Amino acid sequence: MKFGKIILNSFKYPFINLKGLLFVCFLFALNLIFFFGIYLKNEYVMVLGLISTMIVCFILPGYLLSVIKRGCEESSESPKFDIKKNFIDTLNLIVLSIVYDIIPWLIIFVLFMSLGIHFFTGFFNSPANGLNVLFIHFGIILILAVIVMIIFAIFKYIATARLAYYDSLTEALSFKKVFNDIKQIGILKIIGLIILMMILFAIVHEVFIFILSISFVGILLSSCILAPIVSLIFSYSLGLLYSNNSHDYGEIEDLDQFEKEIEYLKYRRIN
């Protein structure tokens, strides 16, 4: 799918799928119960809010993963709510995040350890040289750290789409296959979509600040309507980005499965 169509369909998705939008709005609204409890100074409402927030935290990410899968299939339908599947998907996302987040931090830790070793070596030889070594190596390591974080952020981004499409944590944790996906989709296309989503979030952030100035009404509008819309756009756009790659049937060995997927996409693809 072309980049322009990905953007257009992503922004259309929440509004042609009001049932799914209302459900996500409801989940976001549940997160406000705890804050209402604080405002009302009611311990029972705060406890209820904590419980509802925990429930949402273990359901919402999994549901949004289902939205990504809809994007991979180029389907405009909203995914069905399945508490068991959504919960398992959320756990898979947690594991995926841990793996793709801990590796770059370990690399950065090793780089900064080497910075300390070089600094102390240079300092004992000459205090002036030690400071020079510190600044030079700090600059190099800072640049390398940023590059490493960006690389793994892209890997995590595409791995999430792979998890949604294949419904397999093993597939999502395959660095080789994720790397092949990145090559096939195109790094510029991936970075372009990420930048666009970052711009969207920046705009929404400013809108949030303005709306929140309306006090109680602003909090409801921003938390229960604006935030859900952005979440659906972000999730669906990732699925559409992966859709071209997901329609490569080279890995399908079962002919019956291939024919079923063709029929499935035939009647559910976005016009």
Protein backbone atom coordinates (compact mmCIF):
# COMPACT_ATOMS: atom_id res chain seq x y z
CA MET A 1 0.00 0.00 0.00
CA LYS A 2 1.27 3.46 -0.92
CA PHE A 3 2.39 5.79 1.87
CA GLY A 4 -0.32 8.36 1.16
CA LYS A 5 -3.05 5.73 1.29
CA ILE A 6 -1.68 4.41 4.59
CA ILE A 7 -2.04 7.87 6.13
CA LEU A 8 -5.51 8.48 4.64
CA ASN A 9 -6.94 5.12 5.69
CA SER A 10 -5.37 5.37 9.16
CA PHE A 11 -7.09 8.69 9.83
CA LYS A 12 -10.37 7.36 8.44
CA TYR A 13 -10.32 4.14 10.48
CA PRO A 14 -11.56 5.45 13.88
CA PHE A 15 -14.50 7.27 12.27
CA ILE A 16 -15.70 4.47 9.99
CA ASN A 17 -15.44 2.12 12.95
CA LEU A 18 -17.47 3.87 15.63
CA LYS A 19 -18.16 0.63 17.51
CA GLY A 20 -14.44 0.03 18.03
CA LEU A 21 -13.85 3.71 18.81
CA LEU A 22 -16.56 3.72 21.48
CA PHE A 23 -15.07 0.60 23.08
CA VAL A 24 -11.59 2.14 23.24
CA CYS A 25 -13.10 5.39 24.57
CA PHE A 26 -14.80 3.33 27.29
CA LEU A 27 -11.48 1.73 28.28
CA PHE A 28 -9.77 5.12 28.45
CA ALA A 29 -12.68 6.45 30.54
CA LEU A 30 -12.18 3.67 33.08
CA ASN A 31 -8.71 5.07 33.75
CA LEU A 32 -10.30 8.27 35.06
CA ILE A 33 -12.14 6.57 37.94
CA PHE A 34 -9.04 6.65 40.16
CA PHE A 35 -8.55 10.39 39.58
CA PHE A 36 -12.22 11.03 40.34
CA GLY A 37 -11.68 9.16 43.60
CA ILE A 38 -8.78 11.47 44.44
CA TYR A 39 -10.86 14.53 43.52
CA LEU A 40 -13.79 13.31 45.63
CA LYS A 41 -11.43 12.12 48.41
CA ASN A 42 -13.30 8.83 48.42
CA GLU A 43 -11.19 5.76 49.24
CA TYR A 44 -13.73 3.32 47.80
CA VAL A 45 -13.77 5.09 44.45
CA MET A 46 -9.95 5.18 44.45
CA VAL A 47 -9.75 1.42 45.09
CA LEU A 48 -12.31 0.81 42.34
CA GLY A 49 -10.23 3.09 40.10
CA LEU A 50 -7.04 1.16 40.79
CA ILE A 51 -8.76 -2.13 39.93
CA SER A 52 -10.26 -0.73 36.72
CA THR A 53 -6.91 0.82 35.71
CA MET A 54 -5.14 -2.52 36.19
CA ILE A 55 -7.80 -4.25 34.09
CA VAL A 56 -7.43 -1.67 31.32
CA CYS A 57 -3.62 -1.93 31.39
CA PHE A 58 -3.87 -5.66 30.71
CA ILE A 59 -6.59 -5.43 28.05
CA LEU A 60 -6.08 -2.23 26.04
CA PRO A 61 -2.58 -3.01 24.61
CA GLY A 62 -3.79 -6.44 23.52
CA TYR A 63 -6.89 -4.97 21.88
CA LEU A 64 -4.79 -2.38 20.04
CA LEU A 65 -2.59 -5.24 18.82
CA SER A 66 -5.75 -6.69 17.26
CA VAL A 67 -6.26 -3.32 15.54
CA ILE A 68 -2.74 -3.64 14.11
CA LYS A 69 -3.69 -7.08 12.80
CA ARG A 70 -6.73 -5.56 11.09
CA GLY A 71 -4.38 -3.11 9.41
CA CYS A 72 -2.12 -5.95 8.27
CA GLU A 73 -5.16 -7.54 6.64
CA GLU A 74 -6.29 -4.18 5.21
CA SER A 75 -9.64 -4.74 6.88
CA SER A 76 -11.74 -1.79 8.06
CA GLU A 77 -13.62 -3.88 10.63
CA SER A 78 -13.06 -3.39 14.34
CA PRO A 79 -11.64 -6.42 16.17
CA LYS A 80 -13.90 -8.30 18.54
CA PHE A 81 -13.25 -7.93 22.25
CA ASP A 82 -11.81 -11.16 23.62
CA ILE A 83 -10.64 -10.72 27.21
CA LYS A 84 -8.54 -13.91 27.22
CA LYS A 85 -6.80 -13.19 23.91
CA ASN A 86 -6.35 -9.49 24.69
CA PHE A 87 -4.76 -10.40 28.02
CA ILE A 88 -2.38 -12.92 26.43
CA ASP A 89 -1.49 -10.45 23.68
CA THR A 90 -0.68 -7.82 26.31
CA LEU A 91 1.65 -10.27 28.08
CA ASN A 92 3.33 -11.02 24.74
CA LEU A 93 3.79 -7.28 24.17
CA ILE A 94 5.39 -6.94 27.60
CA VAL A 95 7.88 -9.73 26.82
CA LEU A 96 8.58 -8.23 23.39
CA SER A 97 9.21 -4.80 24.95
CA ILE A 98 11.54 -6.23 27.57
CA VAL A 99 13.63 -8.04 24.95
CA TYR A 100 13.84 -5.14 22.50
CA ASP A 101 14.45 -2.58 25.27
CA ILE A 102 16.96 -4.42 27.43
CA ILE A 103 19.40 -5.22 24.60
CA PRO A 104 20.12 -1.59 23.63
CA TRP A 105 20.43 -0.59 27.29
CA LEU A 106 22.95 -3.40 27.84
CA ILE A 107 24.93 -2.19 24.82
CA ILE A 108 24.83 1.40 26.11
CA PHE A 109 25.90 0.22 29.57
CA VAL A 110 28.92 -1.57 28.10
CA LEU A 111 29.81 1.54 26.06
CA PHE A 112 29.70 3.78 29.13
CA MET A 113 31.73 1.24 31.11
CA SER A 114 34.40 1.53 28.44
CA LEU A 115 34.15 5.31 28.81
CA GLY A 116 34.98 5.02 32.50
CA ILE A 117 37.92 2.72 31.84
CA HIS A 118 39.38 5.06 29.21
CA PHE A 119 38.83 8.05 31.46
CA PHE A 120 40.61 6.61 34.48
CA THR A 121 43.45 5.30 32.29
CA GLY A 122 43.95 8.72 30.75
CA PHE A 123 43.51 10.53 34.09
CA PHE A 124 46.22 8.57 35.87
CA ASN A 125 48.62 9.21 32.99
CA SER A 126 47.75 12.91 32.92
CA PRO A 127 44.76 14.75 34.48
CA ALA A 128 44.47 17.01 31.43
CA ASN A 129 44.53 14.05 29.05
CA GLY A 130 41.99 12.31 31.26
CA LEU A 131 39.48 15.14 30.79
CA ASN A 132 40.12 15.20 27.04
CA VAL A 133 39.53 11.46 26.87
CA LEU A 134 36.34 11.89 28.89
CA PHE A 135 34.80 14.53 26.59
CA ILE A 136 35.86 12.84 23.35
CA HIS A 137 34.60 9.40 24.36
CA PHE A 138 31.43 10.80 25.91
CA GLY A 139 30.53 12.50 22.63
CA ILE A 140 31.23 9.37 20.59
CA ILE A 141 29.31 7.12 22.98
CA LEU A 142 26.38 9.52 23.13
CA ILE A 143 26.09 9.41 19.33
CA LEU A 144 26.40 5.61 19.32
CA ALA A 145 23.80 5.34 22.09
CA VAL A 146 21.29 7.39 20.10
CA ILE A 147 21.92 5.28 16.98
CA VAL A 148 21.49 2.03 18.94
CA MET A 149 18.22 3.26 20.51
CA ILE A 150 16.83 4.30 17.12
CA ILE A 151 17.77 0.98 15.50
CA PHE A 152 16.11 -1.09 18.23
CA ALA A 153 13.08 1.22 18.30
CA ILE A 154 12.56 0.46 14.59
CA PHE A 155 13.07 -3.27 15.23
CA LYS A 156 10.53 -3.16 18.07
CA TYR A 157 8.09 -1.22 15.89
CA ILE A 158 8.12 -3.81 13.11
CA ALA A 159 8.33 -6.74 15.55
CA THR A 160 5.05 -5.53 17.05
CA ALA A 161 3.41 -5.70 13.63
CA ARG A 162 4.91 -9.15 13.10
CA LEU A 163 3.49 -10.27 16.46
CA ALA A 164 0.06 -9.00 15.44
CA TYR A 165 0.08 -10.65 12.03
CA TYR A 166 1.53 -14.05 12.93
CA ASP A 167 0.08 -14.12 16.46
CA SER A 168 3.41 -15.63 17.52
CA LEU A 169 5.93 -14.26 20.01
CA THR A 170 8.59 -16.51 18.49
CA GLU A 171 8.09 -14.85 15.09
CA ALA A 172 8.25 -11.39 16.67
CA LEU A 173 11.50 -12.19 18.49
CA SER A 174 13.23 -13.45 15.35
CA PHE A 175 15.70 -10.62 14.69
CA LYS A 176 16.61 -12.06 11.28
CA LYS A 177 12.99 -12.13 10.08
CA VAL A 178 12.27 -8.68 11.52
CA PHE A 179 15.36 -7.37 9.72
CA ASN A 180 14.09 -8.92 6.46
CA ASP A 181 10.71 -7.25 7.03
CA ILE A 182 12.42 -3.88 7.50
CA LYS A 183 14.33 -4.32 4.23
CA GLN A 184 11.22 -5.36 2.35
CA ILE A 185 9.03 -2.52 3.70
CA GLY A 186 11.76 0.09 3.30
CA ILE A 187 13.60 1.92 6.05
CA LEU A 188 12.66 5.35 4.67
CA LYS A 189 8.97 4.42 4.65
CA ILE A 190 9.19 3.20 8.25
CA ILE A 191 11.04 6.29 9.48
CA GLY A 192 8.64 8.53 7.53
CA LEU A 193 5.61 7.01 9.25
CA ILE A 194 7.25 7.20 12.68
CA ILE A 195 8.11 10.88 12.16
CA LEU A 196 4.57 11.60 10.98
CA MET A 197 3.13 9.90 14.06
CA MET A 198 5.51 11.88 16.28
CA ILE A 199 4.28 15.10 14.64
CA LEU A 200 0.70 13.96 15.22
CA PHE A 201 1.44 13.31 18.89
CA ALA A 202 3.10 16.73 19.20
CA ILE A 203 0.00 18.40 17.73
CA VAL A 204 -2.30 16.37 19.96
CA HIS A 205 -0.16 17.29 22.98
CA GLU A 206 -0.70 20.97 22.26
CA VAL A 207 -4.41 20.35 21.77
CA PHE A 208 -4.43 18.45 25.08
CA ILE A 209 -2.95 21.45 26.88
CA PHE A 210 -5.56 23.76 25.37
CA ILE A 211 -8.49 21.45 26.08
CA LEU A 212 -7.33 20.75 29.64
CA SER A 213 -7.65 24.48 30.31
CA ILE A 214 -11.42 23.93 30.03
CA SER A 215 -11.11 22.10 33.36
CA PHE A 216 -13.39 19.08 33.91
CA VAL A 217 -14.89 19.08 30.41
CA GLY A 218 -11.41 19.34 28.92
CA ILE A 219 -10.17 16.31 30.85
CA LEU A 220 -13.10 14.22 29.61
CA LEU A 221 -12.68 15.32 25.99
CA SER A 222 -8.92 14.79 25.86
CA SER A 223 -8.80 11.52 27.81
CA CYS A 224 -11.95 9.83 26.53
CA ILE A 225 -12.09 10.99 22.90
CA LEU A 226 -8.85 12.48 21.62
CA ALA A 227 -6.47 9.91 23.16
CA PRO A 228 -8.48 6.89 21.88
CA ILE A 229 -8.61 8.34 18.36
CA VAL A 230 -4.83 8.85 18.30
CA SER A 231 -4.25 5.32 19.66
CA LEU A 232 -6.38 3.78 16.91
CA ILE A 233 -4.70 5.85 14.19
CA PHE A 234 -1.23 4.89 15.43
CA SER A 235 -2.06 1.18 15.72
CA TYR A 236 -3.89 0.89 12.42
CA SER A 237 -1.17 2.80 10.53
CA LEU A 238 1.43 0.28 11.72
CA GLY A 239 -0.73 -2.57 10.45
CA LEU A 240 -1.19 -0.93 7.05
CA LEU A 241 2.55 -0.29 6.85
CA TYR A 242 3.13 -4.00 7.35
CA SER A 243 0.26 -5.02 5.04
CA ASN A 244 2.31 -5.25 1.83
CA ASN A 245 4.85 -7.43 3.60
CA SER A 246 2.17 -9.57 5.26
CA HIS A 247 0.63 -10.39 1.90
CA ASP A 248 3.78 -12.17 0.76
CA TYR A 249 2.61 -15.79 0.73
CA GLY A 250 6.04 -17.28 0.16
CA GLU A 251 6.06 -18.76 3.65
CA ILE A 252 2.62 -20.43 3.29
CA GLU A 253 3.14 -24.08 2.61
CA ASP A 254 -0.48 -25.21 2.99
CA LEU A 255 -2.45 -24.56 -0.23
CA ASP A 256 -5.79 -24.70 1.60
CA GLN A 257 -4.57 -22.07 4.05
CA PHE A 258 -3.44 -19.91 1.12
CA GLU A 259 -6.87 -20.13 -0.55
CA LYS A 260 -8.63 -19.33 2.73
CA GLU A 261 -6.53 -16.22 3.23
CA ILE A 262 -7.25 -15.08 -0.35
CA GLU A 263 -11.00 -15.45 0.24
CA TYR A 264 -10.69 -13.69 3.61
CA LEU A 265 -8.92 -10.69 2.12
CA LYS A 266 -11.21 -10.61 -0.93
CA TYR A 267 -14.28 -9.73 1.13
CA ARG A 268 -12.68 -7.65 3.89
CA ARG A 269 -10.14 -5.44 2.12
CA ILE A 270 -10.53 -1.67 2.29
CA ASN A 271 -11.75 -0.04 -0.92
